[in-house]
Amino acid sequence: MASPVVRDLRQAFVRLHILYHAVQGPVCGVELMDELAEHGYRLGPGTLYPALHGLERQRLLKREEKVVAGRRRKFYVATRAGRQLLRQARAMVTEWLRELAGGD
């Protein structure tokens, strides 16, 4: 069983990964699950969709509904605040990696 710190870090990395892809363009849940699985994050809908909805409530993502092949699908795109947060997180992670590598 993962420690609470590891669990919190994992959740943060998943959210940042979602934001990264939502900055690139509209994303939907099923595609995100596949993308995240390629990076070792095995998430089900019960984990992914609450994360998407939380990012939407925080106004970091905006939901757009489109009809694709006769089905209504929800796509998410990053808001200005989401793009700004991702830039800040990228700078923080870069600095942290520099410290870990011993390049103070």
C-alpha atoms as a PDB file:
ATOM      1  CA  MET A   1       0.000   0.000   0.000  1.00  0.00           C
ATOM      2  CA  ALA A   2       1.375   3.410  -0.989  1.00  0.00           C
ATOM      3  CA  SER A   3       2.040   6.008   1.674  1.00  0.00           C
ATOM      4  CA  PRO A   4      -0.196   9.101   1.762  1.00  0.00           C
ATOM      5  CA  VAL A   5       2.690  11.206   0.406  1.00  0.00           C
ATOM      6  CA  VAL A   6       3.183   8.893  -2.577  1.00  0.00           C
ATOM      7  CA  ARG A   7      -0.570   8.881  -3.205  1.00  0.00           C
ATOM      8  CA  ASP A   8      -0.683  12.702  -3.102  1.00  0.00           C
ATOM      9  CA  LEU A   9       2.280  12.975  -5.478  1.00  0.00           C
ATOM     10  CA  ARG A  10       0.715  10.489  -7.869  1.00  0.00           C
ATOM     11  CA  GLN A  11      -2.554  12.457  -7.901  1.00  0.00           C
ATOM     12  CA  ALA A  12      -0.661  15.689  -8.529  1.00  0.00           C
ATOM     13  CA  PHE A  13       1.309  14.156 -11.397  1.00  0.00           C
ATOM     14  CA  VAL A  14      -1.884  12.779 -12.949  1.00  0.00           C
ATOM     15  CA  ARG A  15      -3.506  16.230 -12.784  1.00  0.00           C
ATOM     16  CA  LEU A  16      -0.432  17.895 -14.285  1.00  0.00           C
ATOM     17  CA  HIS A  17      -0.352  15.282 -17.035  1.00  0.00           C
ATOM     18  CA  ILE A  18      -4.029  15.990 -17.774  1.00  0.00           C
ATOM     19  CA  LEU A  19      -3.311  19.725 -17.907  1.00  0.00           C
ATOM     20  CA  TYR A  20      -0.348  19.147 -20.207  1.00  0.00           C
ATOM     21  CA  HIS A  21      -2.512  17.326 -22.735  1.00  0.00           C
ATOM     22  CA  ALA A  22      -5.398  19.775 -22.364  1.00  0.00           C
ATOM     23  CA  VAL A  23      -2.988  22.593 -23.240  1.00  0.00           C
ATOM     24  CA  GLN A  24      -2.044  20.701 -26.415  1.00  0.00           C
ATOM     25  CA  GLY A  25      -5.698  20.513 -27.493  1.00  0.00           C
ATOM     26  CA  PRO A  26      -9.104  19.106 -26.551  1.00  0.00           C
ATOM     27  CA  VAL A  27      -8.944  15.773 -24.721  1.00  0.00           C
ATOM     28  CA  CYS A  28     -11.592  13.290 -23.653  1.00  0.00           C
ATOM     29  CA  GLY A  29     -11.590  10.836 -20.778  1.00  0.00           C
ATOM     30  CA  VAL A  30     -11.151   7.598 -22.721  1.00  0.00           C
ATOM     31  CA  GLU A  31      -8.190   8.955 -24.666  1.00  0.00           C
ATOM     32  CA  LEU A  32      -6.636  10.293 -21.470  1.00  0.00           C
ATOM     33  CA  MET A  33      -6.940   6.915 -19.762  1.00  0.00           C
ATOM     34  CA  ASP A  34      -5.053   5.319 -22.662  1.00  0.00           C
ATOM     35  CA  GLU A  35      -2.414   8.071 -22.689  1.00  0.00           C
ATOM     36  CA  LEU A  36      -1.877   7.897 -18.940  1.00  0.00           C
ATOM     37  CA  ALA A  37      -1.653   4.094 -19.087  1.00  0.00           C
ATOM     38  CA  GLU A  38       1.303   4.462 -21.470  1.00  0.00           C
ATOM     39  CA  HIS A  39       3.077   6.305 -18.636  1.00  0.00           C
ATOM     40  CA  GLY A  40       2.257   3.707 -15.994  1.00  0.00           C
ATOM     41  CA  TYR A  41      -0.871   5.331 -14.557  1.00  0.00           C
ATOM     42  CA  ARG A  42      -3.587   2.679 -14.538  1.00  0.00           C
ATOM     43  CA  LEU A  43      -6.687   4.760 -13.896  1.00  0.00           C
ATOM     44  CA  GLY A  44     -10.307   3.774 -14.146  1.00  0.00           C
ATOM     45  CA  PRO A  45     -13.210   6.120 -14.780  1.00  0.00           C
ATOM     46  CA  GLY A  46     -13.856   6.371 -11.026  1.00  0.00           C
ATOM     47  CA  THR A  47     -10.453   8.036 -10.609  1.00  0.00           C
ATOM     48  CA  LEU A  48     -10.066   9.955 -13.866  1.00  0.00           C
ATOM     49  CA  TYR A  49     -13.446  11.654 -14.115  1.00  0.00           C
ATOM     50  CA  PRO A  50     -13.383  13.086 -10.576  1.00  0.00           C
ATOM     51  CA  ALA A  51      -9.922  14.494 -11.407  1.00  0.00           C
ATOM     52  CA  LEU A  52     -11.291  16.081 -14.600  1.00  0.00           C
ATOM     53  CA  HIS A  53     -14.301  17.483 -12.764  1.00  0.00           C
ATOM     54  CA  GLY A  54     -12.073  18.835  -9.990  1.00  0.00           C
ATOM     55  CA  LEU A  55      -9.848  20.617 -12.509  1.00  0.00           C
ATOM     56  CA  GLU A  56     -12.977  21.990 -14.145  1.00  0.00           C
ATOM     57  CA  ARG A  57     -14.352  23.247 -10.778  1.00  0.00           C
ATOM     58  CA  GLN A  58     -11.012  24.952 -10.165  1.00  0.00           C
ATOM     59  CA  ARG A  59     -11.417  26.605 -13.590  1.00  0.00           C
ATOM     60  CA  LEU A  60      -8.223  25.035 -14.898  1.00  0.00           C
ATOM     61  CA  LEU A  61     -10.164  23.096 -17.551  1.00  0.00           C
ATOM     62  CA  LYS A  62     -13.194  24.014 -19.599  1.00  0.00           C
ATOM     63  CA  ARG A  63     -15.598  21.342 -20.841  1.00  0.00           C
ATOM     64  CA  GLU A  64     -16.939  21.362 -24.374  1.00  0.00           C
ATOM     65  CA  GLU A  65     -19.571  18.907 -25.561  1.00  0.00           C
ATOM     66  CA  LYS A  66     -19.534  17.702 -29.157  1.00  0.00           C
ATOM     67  CA  VAL A  67     -21.431  15.061 -31.089  1.00  0.00           C
ATOM     68  CA  VAL A  68     -19.028  12.537 -32.575  1.00  0.00           C
ATOM     69  CA  ALA A  69     -20.356   9.628 -34.639  1.00  0.00           C
ATOM     70  CA  GLY A  70     -23.826  10.278 -33.261  1.00  0.00           C
ATOM     71  CA  ARG A  71     -22.693  10.268 -29.628  1.00  0.00           C
ATOM     72  CA  ARG A  72     -22.315  13.215 -27.295  1.00  0.00           C
ATOM     73  CA  ARG A  73     -18.749  13.390 -26.011  1.00  0.00           C
ATOM     74  CA  LYS A  74     -17.181  15.685 -23.446  1.00  0.00           C
ATOM     75  CA  PHE A  75     -13.865  17.256 -24.323  1.00  0.00           C
ATOM     76  CA  TYR A  76     -11.699  19.282 -21.981  1.00  0.00           C
ATOM     77  CA  VAL A  77      -9.357  22.146 -22.850  1.00  0.00           C
ATOM     78  CA  ALA A  78      -7.062  24.125 -20.595  1.00  0.00           C
ATOM     79  CA  THR A  79      -8.146  27.592 -19.568  1.00  0.00           C
ATOM     80  CA  ARG A  80      -5.769  30.526 -19.277  1.00  0.00           C
ATOM     81  CA  ALA A  81      -5.417  29.717 -15.564  1.00  0.00           C
ATOM     82  CA  GLY A  82      -4.677  26.077 -16.436  1.00  0.00           C
ATOM     83  CA  ARG A  83      -1.964  27.074 -18.908  1.00  0.00           C
ATOM     84  CA  GLN A  84      -0.464  29.442 -16.344  1.00  0.00           C
ATOM     85  CA  LEU A  85      -0.477  26.762 -13.643  1.00  0.00           C
ATOM     86  CA  LEU A  86       1.240  24.325 -15.997  1.00  0.00           C
ATOM     87  CA  ARG A  87       3.988  26.890 -16.717  1.00  0.00           C
ATOM     88  CA  GLN A  88       4.506  27.387 -12.975  1.00  0.00           C
ATOM     89  CA  ALA A  89       4.560  23.650 -12.331  1.00  0.00           C
ATOM     90  CA  ARG A  90       7.055  23.118 -15.163  1.00  0.00           C
ATOM     91  CA  ALA A  91       9.406  25.676 -13.578  1.00  0.00           C
ATOM     92  CA  MET A  92       9.008  24.045 -10.154  1.00  0.00           C
ATOM     93  CA  VAL A  93       9.681  20.549 -11.486  1.00  0.00           C
ATOM     94  CA  THR A  94      12.687  21.777 -13.482  1.00  0.00           C
ATOM     95  CA  GLU A  95      14.181  23.353 -10.362  1.00  0.00           C
ATOM     96  CA  TRP A  96      13.458  20.247  -8.292  1.00  0.00           C
ATOM     97  CA  LEU A  97      15.120  17.981 -10.872  1.00  0.00           C
ATOM     98  CA  ARG A  98      18.149  20.289 -10.934  1.00  0.00           C
ATOM     99  CA  GLU A  99      18.458  19.920  -7.157  1.00  0.00           C
ATOM    100  CA  LEU A 100      18.031  16.153  -7.300  1.00  0.00           C
ATOM    101  CA  ALA A 101      20.780  15.921  -9.899  1.00  0.00           C
ATOM    102  CA  GLY A 102      23.087  17.829  -7.536  1.00  0.00           C
ATOM    103  CA  GLY A 103      23.294  20.914  -9.703  1.00  0.00           C
ATOM    104  CA  ASP A 104      22.367  23.389  -6.935  1.00  0.00           C
END
